[in-house]
Amino acid sequence: MKLFHSPASPFVRKVTVVLHETGQQDDVTLVPAMGTALEPGTMPVARNPLGKLPTLERDDGTALYDSRVICRFLDERGQGRLYPPAPTLWETLTLEATADGIMDAALLMVYEHRLRPPELVMPEILEAQWTKVVRALDALEGRWLSHLAGPIDMGQIALGCALGYVDFRLADRDWRQGRNTLAAWYAQFAERPSMQATRPEAP
């Protein structure tokens, strides 16, 4: 299989963490890809019409895309049991969606600087996206800690990747302030071998 990826993408990191957690990292060849909505560059548009990462090309040539689809496929393939049975499944999926929302907002903040000339960057857009992150972090600190204390699942992996991306690209925002328990959870989770092996790198 081939995984079209960028080492800085938090959505790609979700997939590579799953590969490590399920022992499938040697089954996938990483194919670098770069581009933006303005210039697709080497993005795998022939395999993923949305031109987004990650995209997984399976051995039969067919492609899967969207990190949630790929992670679900790899978990089933590797029998990782990262998606527990219902009713806990719905908590796991909601936590994964919350983490993906943090990633989406953080990426839009990065793109606001990267894709616009400095004089056209809109502070209002940046703060609106950061407000989404803050609301999500406050909700995690307030009512998700018991879930985070449970067995590793896909929601925890997604959250670890989301917080790692905020550290990587938005470190000046200091998301840990006032969220000591969440920060302590992340500090421990980030030491997992799968997280250490997939730490983001600037392209």
N, C-alpha and C. Protein backbone atom coordinates (compact mmCIF):
# COMPACT_ATOMS: atom_id res chain seq x y z
N MET A 1 0.84 -1.19 0.00
CA MET A 1 0.00 0.00 0.00
C MET A 1 0.88 1.25 0.00
N LYS A 2 0.32 2.34 -0.49
CA LYS A 2 1.03 3.61 -0.53
C LYS A 2 0.22 4.67 0.22
N LEU A 3 0.90 5.42 1.07
CA LEU A 3 0.25 6.51 1.79
C LEU A 3 0.84 7.82 1.30
N PHE A 4 0.02 8.61 0.62
CA PHE A 4 0.46 9.95 0.20
C PHE A 4 0.36 10.85 1.42
N HIS A 5 1.47 11.51 1.72
CA HIS A 5 1.54 12.16 3.03
C HIS A 5 2.42 13.40 3.00
N SER A 6 2.22 14.22 4.03
CA SER A 6 3.14 15.30 4.39
C SER A 6 3.48 15.10 5.86
N PRO A 7 4.76 15.17 6.24
CA PRO A 7 5.14 14.90 7.63
C PRO A 7 4.62 15.93 8.61
N ALA A 8 4.12 17.07 8.12
CA ALA A 8 3.61 18.10 9.02
C ALA A 8 2.11 18.01 9.25
N SER A 9 1.41 17.18 8.47
CA SER A 9 -0.05 17.13 8.55
C SER A 9 -0.52 16.35 9.77
N PRO A 10 -1.39 16.95 10.59
CA PRO A 10 -1.91 16.20 11.75
C PRO A 10 -2.84 15.07 11.33
N PHE A 11 -3.51 15.22 10.18
CA PHE A 11 -4.39 14.16 9.70
C PHE A 11 -3.57 12.97 9.21
N VAL A 12 -2.45 13.24 8.56
CA VAL A 12 -1.54 12.16 8.19
C VAL A 12 -0.98 11.49 9.44
N ARG A 13 -0.67 12.29 10.44
CA ARG A 13 -0.10 11.71 11.66
C ARG A 13 -1.08 10.74 12.31
N LYS A 14 -2.36 11.05 12.31
CA LYS A 14 -3.35 10.11 12.82
C LYS A 14 -3.16 8.73 12.18
N VAL A 15 -3.02 8.72 10.88
CA VAL A 15 -2.89 7.46 10.15
C VAL A 15 -1.59 6.75 10.52
N THR A 16 -0.49 7.49 10.57
CA THR A 16 0.78 6.84 10.85
C THR A 16 0.85 6.35 12.30
N VAL A 17 0.20 7.04 13.22
CA VAL A 17 0.12 6.54 14.59
C VAL A 17 -0.65 5.22 14.62
N VAL A 18 -1.75 5.15 13.89
CA VAL A 18 -2.52 3.90 13.82
C VAL A 18 -1.66 2.78 13.22
N LEU A 19 -0.90 3.10 12.20
CA LEU A 19 -0.01 2.08 11.61
C LEU A 19 0.94 1.52 12.67
N HIS A 20 1.50 2.40 13.48
CA HIS A 20 2.43 1.95 14.52
C HIS A 20 1.70 1.19 15.61
N GLU A 21 0.55 1.68 16.02
CA GLU A 21 -0.18 1.03 17.12
C GLU A 21 -0.68 -0.36 16.72
N THR A 22 -0.89 -0.58 15.43
CA THR A 22 -1.41 -1.86 14.96
C THR A 22 -0.35 -2.71 14.28
N GLY A 23 0.90 -2.26 14.30
CA GLY A 23 1.99 -3.05 13.75
C GLY A 23 1.99 -3.19 12.24
N GLN A 24 1.48 -2.17 11.54
CA GLN A 24 1.38 -2.26 10.08
C GLN A 24 2.29 -1.28 9.36
N GLN A 25 3.21 -0.62 10.09
CA GLN A 25 4.00 0.42 9.45
C GLN A 25 4.85 -0.10 8.29
N ASP A 26 5.25 -1.37 8.35
CA ASP A 26 6.06 -1.92 7.26
C ASP A 26 5.23 -2.34 6.05
N ASP A 27 3.91 -2.26 6.16
CA ASP A 27 3.03 -2.63 5.04
C ASP A 27 2.73 -1.45 4.13
N VAL A 28 3.21 -0.27 4.49
CA VAL A 28 2.85 0.95 3.76
C VAL A 28 4.11 1.71 3.34
N THR A 29 4.14 2.12 2.10
CA THR A 29 5.21 2.97 1.58
C THR A 29 4.73 4.42 1.64
N LEU A 30 5.53 5.29 2.26
CA LEU A 30 5.17 6.70 2.36
C LEU A 30 5.59 7.43 1.08
N VAL A 31 4.65 8.13 0.48
CA VAL A 31 4.90 8.88 -0.75
C VAL A 31 4.71 10.36 -0.45
N PRO A 32 5.78 11.15 -0.46
CA PRO A 32 5.63 12.58 -0.15
C PRO A 32 4.74 13.29 -1.17
N ALA A 33 3.94 14.21 -0.67
CA ALA A 33 3.07 15.02 -1.53
C ALA A 33 2.92 16.39 -0.90
N MET A 34 2.90 17.43 -1.73
CA MET A 34 2.76 18.80 -1.24
C MET A 34 1.90 19.59 -2.20
N GLY A 35 1.18 20.57 -1.65
CA GLY A 35 0.38 21.44 -2.47
C GLY A 35 -0.63 22.19 -1.63
N THR A 36 -1.37 23.08 -2.26
CA THR A 36 -2.41 23.86 -1.60
C THR A 36 -3.64 23.91 -2.49
N ALA A 37 -4.70 24.52 -1.97
CA ALA A 37 -5.90 24.70 -2.79
C ALA A 37 -5.60 25.60 -3.99
N LEU A 38 -4.63 26.50 -3.85
CA LEU A 38 -4.29 27.41 -4.94
C LEU A 38 -3.36 26.76 -5.96
N GLU A 39 -2.54 25.83 -5.50
CA GLU A 39 -1.58 25.16 -6.37
C GLU A 39 -1.44 23.72 -5.90
N PRO A 40 -2.09 22.75 -6.61
CA PRO A 40 -2.11 21.38 -6.11
C PRO A 40 -0.75 20.70 -6.07
N GLY A 41 0.22 21.19 -6.82
CA GLY A 41 1.56 20.63 -6.74
C GLY A 41 1.56 19.13 -7.00
N THR A 42 2.07 18.37 -6.03
CA THR A 42 2.17 16.92 -6.19
C THR A 42 1.08 16.18 -5.41
N MET A 43 0.01 16.89 -5.04
CA MET A 43 -1.09 16.23 -4.34
C MET A 43 -1.70 15.14 -5.23
N PRO A 44 -2.21 14.05 -4.63
CA PRO A 44 -2.67 12.90 -5.42
C PRO A 44 -4.07 13.08 -6.00
N VAL A 45 -4.23 14.07 -6.86
CA VAL A 45 -5.55 14.41 -7.38
C VAL A 45 -6.13 13.30 -8.27
N ALA A 46 -5.28 12.49 -8.88
CA ALA A 46 -5.78 11.39 -9.71
C ALA A 46 -6.41 10.30 -8.86
N ARG A 47 -5.99 10.19 -7.61
CA ARG A 47 -6.52 9.17 -6.71
C ARG A 47 -7.56 9.72 -5.76
N ASN A 48 -7.44 11.01 -5.42
CA ASN A 48 -8.37 11.67 -4.52
C ASN A 48 -8.80 12.97 -5.19
N PRO A 49 -10.02 13.04 -5.72
CA PRO A 49 -10.43 14.23 -6.47
C PRO A 49 -10.44 15.49 -5.62
N LEU A 50 -10.45 15.35 -4.29
CA LEU A 50 -10.40 16.52 -3.42
C LEU A 50 -8.98 17.06 -3.29
N GLY A 51 -7.99 16.26 -3.71
CA GLY A 51 -6.60 16.70 -3.65
C GLY A 51 -6.11 16.95 -2.25
N LYS A 52 -6.50 16.08 -1.32
CA LYS A 52 -6.14 16.29 0.08
C LYS A 52 -5.36 15.09 0.61
N LEU A 53 -4.68 15.34 1.71
CA LEU A 53 -3.94 14.30 2.42
C LEU A 53 -4.61 14.03 3.75
N PRO A 54 -4.51 12.78 4.22
CA PRO A 54 -3.85 11.63 3.61
C PRO A 54 -4.73 10.93 2.58
N THR A 55 -4.08 10.25 1.66
CA THR A 55 -4.74 9.36 0.72
C THR A 55 -4.00 8.03 0.75
N LEU A 56 -4.75 6.95 0.90
CA LEU A 56 -4.14 5.61 0.96
C LEU A 56 -4.51 4.84 -0.30
N GLU A 57 -3.50 4.45 -1.07
CA GLU A 57 -3.71 3.59 -2.23
C GLU A 57 -3.50 2.15 -1.81
N ARG A 58 -4.54 1.34 -1.97
CA ARG A 58 -4.45 -0.06 -1.57
C ARG A 58 -3.76 -0.88 -2.66
N ASP A 59 -3.45 -2.13 -2.33
CA ASP A 59 -2.69 -2.97 -3.24
C ASP A 59 -3.42 -3.22 -4.56
N ASP A 60 -4.75 -3.12 -4.55
CA ASP A 60 -5.49 -3.33 -5.79
C ASP A 60 -5.63 -2.05 -6.61
N GLY A 61 -4.99 -0.96 -6.15
CA GLY A 61 -5.00 0.30 -6.88
C GLY A 61 -6.09 1.25 -6.49
N THR A 62 -7.07 0.79 -5.72
CA THR A 62 -8.14 1.68 -5.28
C THR A 62 -7.65 2.53 -4.10
N ALA A 63 -8.26 3.70 -3.93
CA ALA A 63 -7.80 4.65 -2.93
C ALA A 63 -8.87 4.89 -1.88
N LEU A 64 -8.41 5.10 -0.67
CA LEU A 64 -9.25 5.57 0.43
C LEU A 64 -8.77 6.94 0.84
N TYR A 65 -9.69 7.82 1.20
CA TYR A 65 -9.27 9.13 1.69
C TYR A 65 -10.23 9.64 2.74
N ASP A 66 -9.74 10.66 3.44
CA ASP A 66 -10.24 11.18 4.70
C ASP A 66 -9.62 10.31 5.80
N SER A 67 -8.98 10.97 6.74
CA SER A 67 -8.25 10.23 7.76
C SER A 67 -9.15 9.29 8.56
N ARG A 68 -10.40 9.68 8.78
CA ARG A 68 -11.29 8.82 9.56
C ARG A 68 -11.59 7.52 8.81
N VAL A 69 -11.75 7.60 7.51
CA VAL A 69 -11.99 6.39 6.72
C VAL A 69 -10.75 5.51 6.73
N ILE A 70 -9.59 6.11 6.50
CA ILE A 70 -8.35 5.33 6.46
C ILE A 70 -8.06 4.68 7.80
N CYS A 71 -8.23 5.42 8.88
CA CYS A 71 -7.96 4.86 10.21
C CYS A 71 -8.90 3.71 10.53
N ARG A 72 -10.15 3.84 10.14
CA ARG A 72 -11.11 2.75 10.40
C ARG A 72 -10.70 1.51 9.60
N PHE A 73 -10.30 1.70 8.35
CA PHE A 73 -9.86 0.59 7.51
C PHE A 73 -8.63 -0.09 8.10
N LEU A 74 -7.63 0.70 8.50
CA LEU A 74 -6.40 0.12 9.03
C LEU A 74 -6.62 -0.57 10.37
N ASP A 75 -7.51 -0.01 11.17
CA ASP A 75 -7.80 -0.65 12.46
C ASP A 75 -8.44 -2.02 12.24
N GLU A 76 -9.37 -2.10 11.30
CA GLU A 76 -9.99 -3.40 11.01
C GLU A 76 -8.97 -4.36 10.41
N ARG A 77 -8.16 -3.86 9.49
CA ARG A 77 -7.15 -4.71 8.85
C ARG A 77 -6.15 -5.26 9.86
N GLY A 78 -5.74 -4.41 10.80
CA GLY A 78 -4.74 -4.82 11.78
C GLY A 78 -5.31 -5.34 13.08
N GLN A 79 -6.64 -5.43 13.16
CA GLN A 79 -7.32 -5.91 14.37
C GLN A 79 -6.83 -5.15 15.61
N GLY A 80 -6.79 -3.82 15.45
CA GLY A 80 -6.28 -2.98 16.53
C GLY A 80 -7.26 -2.71 17.65
N ARG A 81 -8.55 -2.86 17.36
CA ARG A 81 -9.61 -2.61 18.34
C ARG A 81 -9.54 -1.19 18.91
N LEU A 82 -9.21 -0.24 18.04
CA LEU A 82 -9.18 1.16 18.45
C LEU A 82 -10.57 1.80 18.41
N TYR A 83 -11.52 1.08 17.83
CA TYR A 83 -12.92 1.51 17.83
C TYR A 83 -13.70 0.51 18.67
N PRO A 84 -14.02 0.83 19.91
CA PRO A 84 -14.70 -0.11 20.78
C PRO A 84 -16.15 -0.32 20.34
N PRO A 85 -16.79 -1.36 20.83
CA PRO A 85 -18.20 -1.57 20.49
C PRO A 85 -19.08 -0.51 21.13
N ALA A 86 -20.29 -0.37 20.60
CA ALA A 86 -21.27 0.54 21.19
C ALA A 86 -21.63 0.04 22.59
N PRO A 87 -21.96 0.95 23.52
CA PRO A 87 -22.19 2.39 23.31
C PRO A 87 -20.93 3.25 23.39
N THR A 88 -19.80 2.67 23.85
CA THR A 88 -18.58 3.47 23.96
C THR A 88 -18.13 3.99 22.60
N LEU A 89 -18.46 3.26 21.54
CA LEU A 89 -18.07 3.68 20.19
C LEU A 89 -18.48 5.11 19.90
N TRP A 90 -19.68 5.50 20.34
CA TRP A 90 -20.16 6.85 20.00
C TRP A 90 -19.33 7.91 20.71
N GLU A 91 -18.88 7.62 21.91
CA GLU A 91 -17.97 8.55 22.59
C GLU A 91 -16.65 8.65 21.84
N THR A 92 -16.12 7.51 21.41
CA THR A 92 -14.86 7.50 20.68
C THR A 92 -14.96 8.31 19.39
N LEU A 93 -16.04 8.09 18.64
CA LEU A 93 -16.21 8.81 17.38
C LEU A 93 -16.41 10.31 17.61
N THR A 94 -17.13 10.67 18.68
CA THR A 94 -17.34 12.09 18.97
C THR A 94 -16.04 12.75 19.40
N LEU A 95 -15.24 12.05 20.18
CA LEU A 95 -13.94 12.59 20.56
C LEU A 95 -13.05 12.74 19.34
N GLU A 96 -13.07 11.77 18.44
CA GLU A 96 -12.28 11.88 17.21
C GLU A 96 -12.74 13.08 16.39
N ALA A 97 -14.05 13.27 16.28
CA ALA A 97 -14.58 14.41 15.53
C ALA A 97 -14.18 15.74 16.17
N THR A 98 -14.18 15.78 17.51
CA THR A 98 -13.77 17.00 18.21
C THR A 98 -12.30 17.30 17.93
N ALA A 99 -11.47 16.28 17.99
CA ALA A 99 -10.04 16.47 17.70
C ALA A 99 -9.82 16.89 16.26
N ASP A 100 -10.56 16.27 15.33
CA ASP A 100 -10.43 16.67 13.93
C ASP A 100 -10.85 18.13 13.73
N GLY A 101 -11.86 18.57 14.48
CA GLY A 101 -12.27 19.97 14.41
C GLY A 101 -11.19 20.92 14.89
N ILE A 102 -10.47 20.51 15.93
CA ILE A 102 -9.33 21.32 16.39
C ILE A 102 -8.29 21.41 15.28
N MET A 103 -8.00 20.28 14.64
CA MET A 103 -7.03 20.29 13.54
C MET A 103 -7.49 21.20 12.40
N ASP A 104 -8.77 21.09 12.04
CA ASP A 104 -9.29 21.92 10.95
C ASP A 104 -9.11 23.41 11.26
N ALA A 105 -9.47 23.81 12.47
CA ALA A 105 -9.37 25.21 12.85
C ALA A 105 -7.92 25.67 12.86
N ALA A 106 -7.04 24.84 13.42
CA ALA A 106 -5.62 25.21 13.47
C ALA A 106 -5.03 25.31 12.06
N LEU A 107 -5.40 24.39 11.18
CA LEU A 107 -4.91 24.46 9.80
C LEU A 107 -5.38 25.72 9.09
N LEU A 108 -6.63 26.11 9.32
CA LEU A 108 -7.13 27.33 8.69
C LEU A 108 -6.37 28.55 9.20
N MET A 109 -5.97 28.53 10.46
CA MET A 109 -5.16 29.63 10.98
C MET A 109 -3.79 29.67 10.28
N VAL A 110 -3.21 28.50 10.08
CA VAL A 110 -1.93 28.44 9.38
C VAL A 110 -2.08 28.92 7.94
N TYR A 111 -3.14 28.46 7.26
CA TYR A 111 -3.34 28.85 5.87
C TYR A 111 -3.64 30.33 5.72
N GLU A 112 -4.27 30.92 6.74
CA GLU A 112 -4.56 32.36 6.67
C GLU A 112 -3.26 33.16 6.50
N HIS A 113 -2.22 32.71 7.17
CA HIS A 113 -0.91 33.36 7.00
C HIS A 113 -0.20 32.90 5.74
N ARG A 114 -0.34 31.63 5.42
CA ARG A 114 0.46 31.05 4.34
C ARG A 114 -0.06 31.42 2.96
N LEU A 115 -1.37 31.56 2.81
CA LEU A 115 -1.96 31.74 1.49
C LEU A 115 -2.33 33.18 1.17
N ARG A 116 -2.29 34.06 2.18
CA ARG A 116 -2.62 35.46 1.93
C ARG A 116 -1.37 36.33 2.06
N PRO A 117 -1.29 37.41 1.28
CA PRO A 117 -0.25 38.40 1.55
C PRO A 117 -0.45 38.98 2.96
N PRO A 118 0.62 39.38 3.61
CA PRO A 118 0.50 39.86 5.00
C PRO A 118 -0.56 40.94 5.19
N GLU A 119 -0.69 41.84 4.21
CA GLU A 119 -1.63 42.95 4.37
C GLU A 119 -3.09 42.49 4.26
N LEU A 120 -3.32 41.27 3.80
CA LEU A 120 -4.68 40.77 3.65
C LEU A 120 -5.07 39.75 4.72
N VAL A 121 -4.14 39.42 5.59
CA VAL A 121 -4.47 38.50 6.68
C VAL A 121 -5.53 39.13 7.57
N MET A 122 -6.56 38.38 7.90
CA MET A 122 -7.67 38.91 8.70
C MET A 122 -7.57 38.40 10.14
N PRO A 123 -7.23 39.27 11.07
CA PRO A 123 -7.17 38.85 12.47
C PRO A 123 -8.50 38.28 12.97
N GLU A 124 -9.61 38.78 12.42
CA GLU A 124 -10.92 38.28 12.85
C GLU A 124 -11.08 36.80 12.52
N ILE A 125 -10.57 36.39 11.37
CA ILE A 125 -10.63 34.98 10.98
C ILE A 125 -9.78 34.15 11.92
N LEU A 126 -8.58 34.63 12.22
CA LEU A 126 -7.69 33.90 13.12
C LEU A 126 -8.33 33.70 14.48
N GLU A 127 -8.92 34.75 15.02
CA GLU A 127 -9.51 34.65 16.36
C GLU A 127 -10.77 33.80 16.35
N ALA A 128 -11.53 33.85 15.26
CA ALA A 128 -12.73 33.02 15.17
C ALA A 128 -12.36 31.54 15.18
N GLN A 129 -11.30 31.20 14.47
CA GLN A 129 -10.87 29.80 14.45
C GLN A 129 -10.28 29.39 15.81
N TRP A 130 -9.53 30.29 16.43
CA TRP A 130 -8.96 29.96 17.73
C TRP A 130 -10.06 29.80 18.78
N THR A 131 -11.15 30.56 18.64
CA THR A 131 -12.27 30.41 19.57
C THR A 131 -12.84 29.00 19.51
N LYS A 132 -12.90 28.41 18.31
CA LYS A 132 -13.35 27.03 18.18
C LYS A 132 -12.42 26.09 18.95
N VAL A 133 -11.13 26.30 18.82
CA VAL A 133 -10.15 25.47 19.52
C VAL A 133 -10.34 25.60 21.03
N VAL A 134 -10.49 26.82 21.50
CA VAL A 134 -10.64 27.07 22.94
C VAL A 134 -11.89 26.38 23.47
N ARG A 135 -13.00 26.50 22.76
CA ARG A 135 -14.24 25.84 23.21
C ARG A 135 -14.05 24.33 23.28
N ALA A 136 -13.38 23.77 22.29
CA ALA A 136 -13.16 22.33 22.28
C ALA A 136 -12.26 21.91 23.43
N LEU A 137 -11.19 22.65 23.67
CA LEU A 137 -10.27 22.33 24.77
C LEU A 137 -10.96 22.43 26.12
N ASP A 138 -11.79 23.44 26.29
CA ASP A 138 -12.51 23.59 27.55
C ASP A 138 -13.49 22.44 27.76
N ALA A 139 -14.13 21.99 26.69
CA ALA A 139 -15.04 20.85 26.80
C ALA A 139 -14.27 19.59 27.15
N LEU A 140 -13.09 19.41 26.56
CA LEU A 140 -12.27 18.24 26.87
C LEU A 140 -11.84 18.24 28.33
N GLU A 141 -11.41 19.38 28.81
CA GLU A 141 -10.99 19.50 30.21
C GLU A 141 -12.17 19.30 31.15
N GLY A 142 -13.35 19.71 30.71
CA GLY A 142 -14.49 19.69 31.60
C GLY A 142 -15.22 18.37 31.68
N ARG A 143 -15.28 17.61 30.55
CA ARG A 143 -16.14 16.42 30.61
C ARG A 143 -15.60 15.18 29.88
N TRP A 144 -14.37 15.22 29.41
CA TRP A 144 -13.84 14.06 28.70
C TRP A 144 -12.72 13.34 29.43
N LEU A 145 -12.38 13.77 30.63
CA LEU A 145 -11.20 13.23 31.29
C LEU A 145 -11.36 11.77 31.66
N SER A 146 -12.56 11.34 32.01
CA SER A 146 -12.75 9.93 32.36
C SER A 146 -12.53 9.05 31.13
N HIS A 147 -12.95 9.52 29.97
CA HIS A 147 -12.72 8.75 28.75
C HIS A 147 -11.23 8.70 28.43
N LEU A 148 -10.56 9.81 28.60
CA LEU A 148 -9.12 9.86 28.32
C LEU A 148 -8.33 8.94 29.24
N ALA A 149 -8.88 8.67 30.42
CA ALA A 149 -8.20 7.79 31.36
C ALA A 149 -8.41 6.32 31.03
N GLY A 150 -9.27 6.02 30.06
CA GLY A 150 -9.55 4.64 29.71
C GLY A 150 -8.56 4.08 28.71
N PRO A 151 -8.85 2.89 28.18
CA PRO A 151 -7.96 2.25 27.21
C PRO A 151 -7.79 3.12 25.96
N ILE A 152 -6.63 3.01 25.33
CA ILE A 152 -6.37 3.80 24.13
C ILE A 152 -7.39 3.48 23.05
N ASP A 153 -7.87 4.52 22.40
CA ASP A 153 -8.80 4.35 21.30
C ASP A 153 -8.53 5.41 20.25
N MET A 154 -9.32 5.41 19.19
CA MET A 154 -9.06 6.33 18.09
C MET A 154 -9.30 7.77 18.48
N GLY A 155 -10.22 8.02 19.41
CA GLY A 155 -10.43 9.38 19.86
C GLY A 155 -9.20 9.94 20.56
N GLN A 156 -8.56 9.13 21.39
CA GLN A 156 -7.34 9.57 22.07
C GLN A 156 -6.22 9.83 21.07
N ILE A 157 -6.08 8.95 20.09
CA ILE A 157 -5.04 9.15 19.08
C ILE A 157 -5.26 10.46 18.33
N ALA A 158 -6.50 10.70 17.91
CA ALA A 158 -6.80 11.94 17.20
C ALA A 158 -6.51 13.15 18.06
N LEU A 159 -6.88 13.09 19.33
CA LEU A 159 -6.64 14.23 20.22
C LEU A 159 -5.15 14.44 20.42
N GLY A 160 -4.39 13.37 20.61
CA GLY A 160 -2.95 13.52 20.76
C GLY A 160 -2.33 14.20 19.55
N CYS A 161 -2.79 13.83 18.35
CA CYS A 161 -2.27 14.44 17.13
C CYS A 161 -2.71 15.90 17.02
N ALA A 162 -3.93 16.20 17.44
CA ALA A 162 -4.42 17.58 17.38
C ALA A 162 -3.61 18.48 18.30
N LEU A 163 -3.40 18.04 19.54
CA LEU A 163 -2.64 18.86 20.49
C LEU A 163 -1.20 18.99 20.04
N GLY A 164 -0.66 17.93 19.47
CA GLY A 164 0.71 18.02 18.95
C GLY A 164 0.82 19.03 17.83
N TYR A 165 -0.22 19.13 17.00
CA TYR A 165 -0.19 20.10 15.90
C TYR A 165 -0.29 21.53 16.42
N VAL A 166 -1.13 21.73 17.43
CA VAL A 166 -1.22 23.07 18.03
C VAL A 166 0.13 23.47 18.62
N ASP A 167 0.79 22.56 19.28
CA ASP A 167 2.15 22.83 19.78
C ASP A 167 3.09 23.17 18.63
N PHE A 168 2.99 22.44 17.54
CA PHE A 168 3.90 22.56 16.41
C PHE A 168 3.74 23.88 15.67
N ARG A 169 2.50 24.28 15.44
CA ARG A 169 2.25 25.46 14.60
C ARG A 169 1.79 26.69 15.37
N LEU A 170 1.20 26.49 16.55
CA LEU A 170 0.60 27.63 17.28
C LEU A 170 1.07 27.65 18.72
N ALA A 171 2.34 27.39 18.92
CA ALA A 171 2.88 27.27 20.29
C ALA A 171 2.68 28.54 21.10
N ASP A 172 2.65 29.69 20.44
CA ASP A 172 2.51 30.95 21.16
C ASP A 172 1.12 31.12 21.79
N ARG A 173 0.18 30.28 21.43
CA ARG A 173 -1.18 30.39 21.96
C ARG A 173 -1.32 29.78 23.36
N ASP A 174 -0.39 28.94 23.78
CA ASP A 174 -0.36 28.40 25.15
C ASP A 174 -1.68 27.75 25.54
N TRP A 175 -2.04 26.68 24.83
CA TRP A 175 -3.32 26.01 25.08
C TRP A 175 -3.39 25.37 26.47
N ARG A 176 -2.25 25.13 27.12
CA ARG A 176 -2.23 24.44 28.41
C ARG A 176 -2.74 25.31 29.57
N GLN A 177 -2.71 26.61 29.42
CA GLN A 177 -3.07 27.50 30.52
C GLN A 177 -4.51 27.24 30.98
N GLY A 178 -4.67 26.91 32.25
CA GLY A 178 -5.98 26.64 32.81
C GLY A 178 -6.51 25.25 32.51
N ARG A 179 -5.68 24.41 31.89
CA ARG A 179 -6.12 23.05 31.54
C ARG A 179 -5.06 22.05 32.00
N ASN A 180 -4.80 22.06 33.28
CA ASN A 180 -3.69 21.26 33.81
C ASN A 180 -3.89 19.77 33.63
N THR A 181 -5.12 19.30 33.80
CA THR A 181 -5.35 17.86 33.70
C THR A 181 -5.20 17.38 32.26
N LEU A 182 -5.74 18.13 31.31
CA LEU A 182 -5.58 17.79 29.91
C LEU A 182 -4.11 17.85 29.51
N ALA A 183 -3.41 18.86 30.00
CA ALA A 183 -1.98 18.97 29.69
C ALA A 183 -1.20 17.78 30.24
N ALA A 184 -1.56 17.32 31.44
CA ALA A 184 -0.88 16.17 32.03
C ALA A 184 -1.17 14.91 31.23
N TRP A 185 -2.43 14.76 30.79
CA TRP A 185 -2.75 13.60 29.95
C TRP A 185 -1.92 13.61 28.68
N TYR A 186 -1.85 14.77 28.03
CA TYR A 186 -1.11 14.85 26.77
C TYR A 186 0.38 14.57 26.98
N ALA A 187 0.95 15.09 28.05
CA ALA A 187 2.37 14.86 28.31
C ALA A 187 2.67 13.37 28.39
N GLN A 188 1.78 12.62 29.02
CA GLN A 188 1.98 11.17 29.14
C GLN A 188 1.71 10.47 27.80
N PHE A 189 0.63 10.88 27.11
CA PHE A 189 0.28 10.23 25.86
C PHE A 189 1.35 10.46 24.80
N ALA A 190 1.94 11.64 24.81
CA ALA A 190 2.95 11.98 23.81
C ALA A 190 4.21 11.15 23.93
N GLU A 191 4.38 10.45 25.04
CA GLU A 191 5.55 9.59 25.22
C GLU A 191 5.36 8.20 24.61
N ARG A 192 4.17 7.89 24.13
CA ARG A 192 3.98 6.60 23.50
C ARG A 192 4.94 6.45 22.31
N PRO A 193 5.50 5.26 22.09
CA PRO A 193 6.42 5.09 20.96
C PRO A 193 5.82 5.51 19.62
N SER A 194 4.51 5.26 19.42
CA SER A 194 3.88 5.65 18.16
C SER A 194 3.87 7.16 17.97
N MET A 195 3.72 7.89 19.06
CA MET A 195 3.72 9.36 18.98
C MET A 195 5.14 9.89 18.78
N GLN A 196 6.09 9.29 19.46
CA GLN A 196 7.47 9.72 19.30
C GLN A 196 7.97 9.46 17.88
N ALA A 197 7.54 8.35 17.29
CA ALA A 197 7.99 7.98 15.95
C ALA A 197 7.37 8.84 14.86
N THR A 198 6.32 9.59 15.18
CA THR A 198 5.57 10.33 14.15
C THR A 198 5.55 11.83 14.44
N ARG A 199 6.50 12.31 15.22
CA ARG A 199 6.52 13.73 15.55
C ARG A 199 6.60 14.55 14.26
N PRO A 200 5.82 15.64 14.15
CA PRO A 200 5.76 16.40 12.89
C PRO A 200 7.06 17.11 12.58
N GLU A 201 7.29 17.26 11.28
CA GLU A 201 8.46 17.97 10.78
C GLU A 201 7.99 19.02 9.79
N ALA A 202 8.64 20.16 9.81
CA ALA A 202 8.30 21.21 8.85
C ALA A 202 8.73 20.77 7.47
N PRO A 203 7.85 20.92 6.46
CA PRO A 203 8.22 20.52 5.10
C PRO A 203 9.27 21.44 4.52
